[in-house]
Amino acid sequence: YDNEWGYSQRVVDLAHLVASKWPGLFIDGSGDPLEDYCKTNAADEECKVYEA
């Protein structure tokens, strides 16, 4: 990968995949803290989507 953001996202994806297959471990949520936060706080500035 030629950029840190793309690489770090793939590492997070891999960690989530491994954790989801771990015996006896239950993951509550999407794995994305902002997505989980915006489910209950949709009006907050961080959750607004602006289109160009």
PDB file of N, CA and C in Angstrom:
ATOM      1  N   TYR A   1       0.842  -1.189   0.000  1.00  0.00           N
ATOM      2  CA  TYR A   1       0.000   0.000   0.000  1.00  0.00           C
ATOM      3  C   TYR A   1       0.880   1.242   0.000  1.00  0.00           C
ATOM      4  N   ASP A   2       0.463   2.241  -0.736  1.00  0.00           N
ATOM      5  CA  ASP A   2       1.290   3.432  -0.843  1.00  0.00           C
ATOM      6  C   ASP A   2       0.822   4.564   0.068  1.00  0.00           C
ATOM      7  N   ASN A   3      -0.157   4.315   0.920  1.00  0.00           N
ATOM      8  CA  ASN A   3      -0.541   5.357   1.858  1.00  0.00           C
ATOM      9  C   ASN A   3      -0.889   4.746   3.203  1.00  0.00           C
ATOM     10  N   GLU A   4      -0.636   5.503   4.238  1.00  0.00           N
ATOM     11  CA  GLU A   4      -0.821   5.003   5.597  1.00  0.00           C
ATOM     12  C   GLU A   4      -2.295   4.767   5.922  1.00  0.00           C
ATOM     13  N   TRP A   5      -3.180   5.636   5.421  1.00  0.00           N
ATOM     14  CA  TRP A   5      -4.603   5.500   5.738  1.00  0.00           C
ATOM     15  C   TRP A   5      -5.170   4.206   5.162  1.00  0.00           C
ATOM     16  N   GLY A   6      -4.884   3.929   3.918  1.00  0.00           N
ATOM     17  CA  GLY A   6      -5.366   2.709   3.290  1.00  0.00           C
ATOM     18  C   GLY A   6      -4.831   1.466   3.978  1.00  0.00           C
ATOM     19  N   TYR A   7      -3.556   1.484   4.321  1.00  0.00           N
ATOM     20  CA  TYR A   7      -2.953   0.342   5.008  1.00  0.00           C
ATOM     21  C   TYR A   7      -3.581   0.145   6.379  1.00  0.00           C
ATOM     22  N   SER A   8      -3.745   1.221   7.129  1.00  0.00           N
ATOM     23  CA  SER A   8      -4.302   1.090   8.480  1.00  0.00           C
ATOM     24  C   SER A   8      -5.744   0.587   8.426  1.00  0.00           C
ATOM     25  N   GLN A   9      -6.504   0.989   7.424  1.00  0.00           N
ATOM     26  CA  GLN A   9      -7.875   0.492   7.284  1.00  0.00           C
ATOM     27  C   GLN A   9      -7.884  -1.005   7.011  1.00  0.00           C
ATOM     28  N   ARG A  10      -6.950  -1.491   6.192  1.00  0.00           N
ATOM     29  CA  ARG A  10      -6.884  -2.924   5.913  1.00  0.00           C
ATOM     30  C   ARG A  10      -6.468  -3.705   7.158  1.00  0.00           C
ATOM     31  N   VAL A  11      -5.589  -3.123   7.987  1.00  0.00           N
ATOM     32  CA  VAL A  11      -5.189  -3.775   9.231  1.00  0.00           C
ATOM     33  C   VAL A  11      -6.385  -3.878  10.167  1.00  0.00           C
ATOM     34  N   VAL A  12      -7.187  -2.823  10.252  1.00  0.00           N
ATOM     35  CA  VAL A  12      -8.393  -2.847  11.079  1.00  0.00           C
ATOM     36  C   VAL A  12      -9.363  -3.901  10.543  1.00  0.00           C
ATOM     37  N   ASP A  13      -9.543  -3.961   9.228  1.00  0.00           N
ATOM     38  CA  ASP A  13     -10.419  -4.974   8.626  1.00  0.00           C
ATOM     39  C   ASP A  13      -9.942  -6.383   8.976  1.00  0.00           C
ATOM     40  N   LEU A  14      -8.648  -6.605   8.891  1.00  0.00           N
ATOM     41  CA  LEU A  14      -8.099  -7.916   9.203  1.00  0.00           C
ATOM     42  C   LEU A  14      -8.294  -8.262  10.683  1.00  0.00           C
ATOM     43  N   ALA A  15      -8.053  -7.298  11.556  1.00  0.00           N
ATOM     44  CA  ALA A  15      -8.242  -7.538  12.992  1.00  0.00           C
ATOM     45  C   ALA A  15      -9.696  -7.873  13.297  1.00  0.00           C
ATOM     46  N   HIS A  16     -10.612  -7.170  12.655  1.00  0.00           N
ATOM     47  CA  HIS A  16     -12.033  -7.438  12.861  1.00  0.00           C
ATOM     48  C   HIS A  16     -12.395  -8.833  12.349  1.00  0.00           C
ATOM     49  N   LEU A  17     -11.860  -9.222  11.219  1.00  0.00           N
ATOM     50  CA  LEU A  17     -12.116 -10.552  10.660  1.00  0.00           C
ATOM     51  C   LEU A  17     -11.596 -11.638  11.599  1.00  0.00           C
ATOM     52  N   VAL A  18     -10.387 -11.487  12.077  1.00  0.00           N
ATOM     53  CA  VAL A  18      -9.804 -12.482  12.985  1.00  0.00           C
ATOM     54  C   VAL A  18     -10.622 -12.557  14.269  1.00  0.00           C
ATOM     55  N   ALA A  19     -10.982 -11.403  14.829  1.00  0.00           N
ATOM     56  CA  ALA A  19     -11.759 -11.386  16.067  1.00  0.00           C
ATOM     57  C   ALA A  19     -13.131 -12.018  15.877  1.00  0.00           C
ATOM     58  N   SER A  20     -13.735 -11.836  14.716  1.00  0.00           N
ATOM     59  CA  SER A  20     -15.066 -12.394  14.484  1.00  0.00           C
ATOM     60  C   SER A  20     -15.045 -13.918  14.407  1.00  0.00           C
ATOM     61  N   LYS A  21     -13.898 -14.495  14.100  1.00  0.00           N
ATOM     62  CA  LYS A  21     -13.769 -15.950  14.009  1.00  0.00           C
ATOM     63  C   LYS A  21     -13.241 -16.575  15.302  1.00  0.00           C
ATOM     64  N   TRP A  22     -12.868 -15.739  16.277  1.00  0.00           N
ATOM     65  CA  TRP A  22     -12.292 -16.223  17.525  1.00  0.00           C
ATOM     66  C   TRP A  22     -13.350 -16.991  18.319  1.00  0.00           C
ATOM     67  N   PRO A  23     -13.041 -18.219  18.739  1.00  0.00           N
ATOM     68  CA  PRO A  23     -14.036 -19.018  19.470  1.00  0.00           C
ATOM     69  C   PRO A  23     -14.436 -18.368  20.799  1.00  0.00           C
ATOM     70  N   GLY A  24     -15.731 -18.281  21.025  1.00  0.00           N
ATOM     71  CA  GLY A  24     -16.239 -17.757  22.284  1.00  0.00           C
ATOM     72  C   GLY A  24     -16.267 -16.247  22.389  1.00  0.00           C
ATOM     73  N   LEU A  25     -15.862 -15.541  21.346  1.00  0.00           N
ATOM     74  CA  LEU A  25     -15.835 -14.081  21.389  1.00  0.00           C
ATOM     75  C   LEU A  25     -16.997 -13.525  20.591  1.00  0.00           C
ATOM     76  N   PHE A  26     -17.772 -12.659  21.211  1.00  0.00           N
ATOM     77  CA  PHE A  26     -18.885 -12.012  20.527  1.00  0.00           C
ATOM     78  C   PHE A  26     -18.561 -10.531  20.372  1.00  0.00           C
ATOM     79  N   ILE A  27     -18.641 -10.027  19.147  1.00  0.00           N
ATOM     80  CA  ILE A  27     -18.371  -8.621  18.874  1.00  0.00           C
ATOM     81  C   ILE A  27     -19.695  -7.903  18.722  1.00  0.00           C
ATOM     82  N   ASP A  28     -19.919  -6.934  19.580  1.00  0.00           N
ATOM     83  CA  ASP A  28     -21.131  -6.138  19.510  1.00  0.00           C
ATOM     84  C   ASP A  28     -20.810  -4.834  18.788  1.00  0.00           C
ATOM     85  N   GLY A  29     -21.466  -4.575  17.697  1.00  0.00           N
ATOM     86  CA  GLY A  29     -21.238  -3.348  16.943  1.00  0.00           C
ATOM     87  C   GLY A  29     -20.669  -3.639  15.574  1.00  0.00           C
ATOM     88  N   SER A  30     -20.428  -2.566  14.852  1.00  0.00           N
ATOM     89  CA  SER A  30     -19.982  -2.695  13.466  1.00  0.00           C
ATOM     90  C   SER A  30     -18.462  -2.823  13.337  1.00  0.00           C
ATOM     91  N   GLY A  31     -17.739  -2.473  14.410  1.00  0.00           N
ATOM     92  CA  GLY A  31     -16.286  -2.419  14.327  1.00  0.00           C
ATOM     93  C   GLY A  31     -15.789  -1.027  14.012  1.00  0.00           C
ATOM     94  N   ASP A  32     -16.697  -0.130  13.689  1.00  0.00           N
ATOM     95  CA  ASP A  32     -16.360   1.264  13.406  1.00  0.00           C
ATOM     96  C   ASP A  32     -16.958   2.127  14.519  1.00  0.00           C
ATOM     97  N   PRO A  33     -16.124   2.667  15.403  1.00  0.00           N
ATOM     98  CA  PRO A  33     -16.648   3.439  16.530  1.00  0.00           C
ATOM     99  C   PRO A  33     -17.508   4.628  16.106  1.00  0.00           C
ATOM    100  N   LEU A  34     -17.140   5.300  15.025  1.00  0.00           N
ATOM    101  CA  LEU A  34     -17.933   6.447  14.576  1.00  0.00           C
ATOM    102  C   LEU A  34     -19.305   6.002  14.078  1.00  0.00           C
ATOM    103  N   GLU A  35     -19.356   4.914  13.337  1.00  0.00           N
ATOM    104  CA  GLU A  35     -20.635   4.389  12.867  1.00  0.00           C
ATOM    105  C   GLU A  35     -21.536   4.012  14.041  1.00  0.00           C
ATOM    106  N   ASP A  36     -20.961   3.344  15.034  1.00  0.00           N
ATOM    107  CA  ASP A  36     -21.737   2.959  16.215  1.00  0.00           C
ATOM    108  C   ASP A  36     -22.222   4.199  16.975  1.00  0.00           C
ATOM    109  N   TYR A  37     -21.368   5.209  17.095  1.00  0.00           N
ATOM    110  CA  TYR A  37     -21.728   6.444  17.783  1.00  0.00           C
ATOM    111  C   TYR A  37     -22.866   7.162  17.065  1.00  0.00           C
ATOM    112  N   CYS A  38     -22.791   7.224  15.745  1.00  0.00           N
ATOM    113  CA  CYS A  38     -23.783   7.967  14.963  1.00  0.00           C
ATOM    114  C   CYS A  38     -25.149   7.282  14.933  1.00  0.00           C
ATOM    115  N   LYS A  39     -25.208   6.005  15.258  1.00  0.00           N
ATOM    116  CA  LYS A  39     -26.505   5.327  15.327  1.00  0.00           C
ATOM    117  C   LYS A  39     -27.383   5.943  16.402  1.00  0.00           C
ATOM    118  N   THR A  40     -26.765   6.423  17.482  1.00  0.00           N
ATOM    119  CA  THR A  40     -27.534   7.001  18.587  1.00  0.00           C
ATOM    120  C   THR A  40     -27.393   8.508  18.703  1.00  0.00           C
ATOM    121  N   ASN A  41     -26.519   9.110  17.904  1.00  0.00           N
ATOM    122  CA  ASN A  41     -26.270  10.551  17.965  1.00  0.00           C
ATOM    123  C   ASN A  41     -26.226  11.152  16.566  1.00  0.00           C
ATOM    124  N   ALA A  42     -27.212  10.848  15.754  1.00  0.00           N
ATOM    125  CA  ALA A  42     -27.185  11.232  14.339  1.00  0.00           C
ATOM    126  C   ALA A  42     -27.129  12.731  14.109  1.00  0.00           C
ATOM    127  N   ALA A  43     -27.593  13.539  15.049  1.00  0.00           N
ATOM    128  CA  ALA A  43     -27.624  14.986  14.863  1.00  0.00           C
ATOM    129  C   ALA A  43     -26.277  15.660  15.149  1.00  0.00           C
ATOM    130  N   ASP A  44     -25.329  14.941  15.719  1.00  0.00           N
ATOM    131  CA  ASP A  44     -24.033  15.530  16.041  1.00  0.00           C
ATOM    132  C   ASP A  44     -23.265  15.895  14.772  1.00  0.00           C
ATOM    133  N   GLU A  45     -22.420  16.899  14.900  1.00  0.00           N
ATOM    134  CA  GLU A  45     -21.641  17.413  13.770  1.00  0.00           C
ATOM    135  C   GLU A  45     -20.790  16.315  13.113  1.00  0.00           C
ATOM    136  N   GLU A  46     -20.224  15.428  13.934  1.00  0.00           N
ATOM    137  CA  GLU A  46     -19.360  14.376  13.401  1.00  0.00           C
ATOM    138  C   GLU A  46     -20.103  13.409  12.484  1.00  0.00           C
ATOM    139  N   CYS A  47     -21.425  13.345  12.624  1.00  0.00           N
ATOM    140  CA  CYS A  47     -22.213  12.355  11.896  1.00  0.00           C
ATOM    141  C   CYS A  47     -22.871  12.915  10.637  1.00  0.00           C
ATOM    142  N   LYS A  48     -22.750  14.203  10.435  1.00  0.00           N
ATOM    143  CA  LYS A  48     -23.374  14.816   9.259  1.00  0.00           C
ATOM    144  C   LYS A  48     -22.566  14.505   8.011  1.00  0.00           C
ATOM    145  N   VAL A  49     -23.267  14.256   6.935  1.00  0.00           N
ATOM    146  CA  VAL A  49     -22.630  13.976   5.653  1.00  0.00           C
ATOM    147  C   VAL A  49     -22.905  15.156   4.732  1.00  0.00           C
ATOM    148  N   TYR A  50     -21.843  15.731   4.218  1.00  0.00           N
ATOM    149  CA  TYR A  50     -21.971  16.871   3.316  1.00  0.00           C
ATOM    150  C   TYR A  50     -21.616  16.425   1.916  1.00  0.00           C
ATOM    151  N   GLU A  51     -22.456  16.772   0.981  1.00  0.00           N
ATOM    152  CA  GLU A  51     -22.180  16.435  -0.404  1.00  0.00           C
ATOM    153  C   GLU A  51     -21.717  17.676  -1.141  1.00  0.00           C
ATOM    154  N   ALA A  52     -20.800  17.472  -2.071  1.00  0.00           N
ATOM    155  CA  ALA A  52     -20.228  18.601  -2.818  1.00  0.00           C
ATOM    156  C   ALA A  52     -21.195  19.151  -3.837  1.00  0.00           C
TER     157      ALA A  52
END
